Amino acid sequence: MKQLNHEGGIPLTAAKTRQLGTLAIVALVALRIGTGWHFFSEGAAKLETGDFSSEGFLSTSRGPLAGFFKGLVWDEDGAIRLGYNQAKKTVSEKPTAERWNDYRARAVKRYKLTKARQQAAERAMKRRVGQLKWYLNTNNEDIIRYFRQLERWRTQQRDSSRRDVSTLRGQSESLAREIVSSRRGWLATVEKLEADYQSDLVKLATPPPPEFGPNTTVAAKPLKMKHPGRRFYDSRSVDRILPYFDILVGVCLVVGLFTSTAAIAGACFLLSVVLTQFPGAVGAAPVYYQAVEALGLCLLAALRAGQYAGLDFFTYCLWRSPLGTQVSMNLTQFLQRAKRPKQGEAK
């Protein structure tokens, strides 16, 4: 039975449509902190190692959205970095050497290198190009064979009849795994040579660039290497943002601040991971734990879990206070006025 105020009409305790017991609240707080700590630890590990890359995962996407996710990977098949000429069926270091030479010219101008250091930069470039040439020549036959297998696999993918036969479909999946495995080592070696080349030129940058000021020992920041065909938003952009995204979501969940927003953002990210391995698609890797964690985040957002043992308790109280109510009313009135047509405008 509801208690009535002294005027007899308004109940002192409004009926709640959502009530949580103590055990449920404890479980909700544990879920929030545990999920937040997982996000935070993942982001911190990515920053600590510094070599996180989503290329391998995206390049093995499966399902109807595989084309979109694979398109996020720059030089997904390695043709640019390995210098593959499809018309001539040859591999050469020349395309990469041209990029490195352009990088050297920009570095000379940016770091204001002396003539002696310009010559040292040119020698460093020739040394790295020579190493790349030797490596490509050593693996020439295997790389050519890899691109032939890649062309054969792409031809198979365009044949819809092969997708209807489980045996042929299995052969295509086996070939795809072999292709991805074979190129991984070559591309990693080329990336290492490029990183070493950039480091060589940075060591020559003395004095450092103007923004560091005179008489300073701060190391110069490497210039960005130009990559032909790169898009504004691709896997490398994701790799730079993702560690900080994970840490931010993790911190918000652990302390219970802006919990619903952080939970929704984390759930959307995990959903994108699930879609790269579309459930039911042939050859898709299991993504059950990502899907379960995404559902848990949706629960945290729906129940506004930060109100329990979190900083959102204070923001919620502030929003429900007279000051918060007044701000909400003013914002609503402002939006209503903005939607009204201005005087003098044609109706």
Foldseek 3Di string as FASTA:
>chain_A
DFDDDPVRDDGPDDDDPDDDDPVRLVVLLCLLQVLLVVLQVVLVVLVVVVPDFCLLLLLLFFDPCNVVSNVLDACSLCCQLQVADPVVLFTALVSVLVLLVVLLVVLCVQLVFDPVLNVVLVVLSVVLSVVSRVVCVVCGVVVSVLVVLVVVLVVVVVDPVLVVDPVSVVVSLVSSVVSSVSCPVVVVVSVVSVVVSQVSSQVRRPPPGPVVPPPDDDGHDGDDRDDPPNDPRHRVVCSVCSSVLSNVLSVCSNQLHPLLVSLQVLLVVLVVSCNSQPPPTPPRDDSVVSNVSSVSSNVCNVVSSSCRNHPVVVVVVVCPDPVNVVVVVVVVVVVVVVPDDDPPDDD
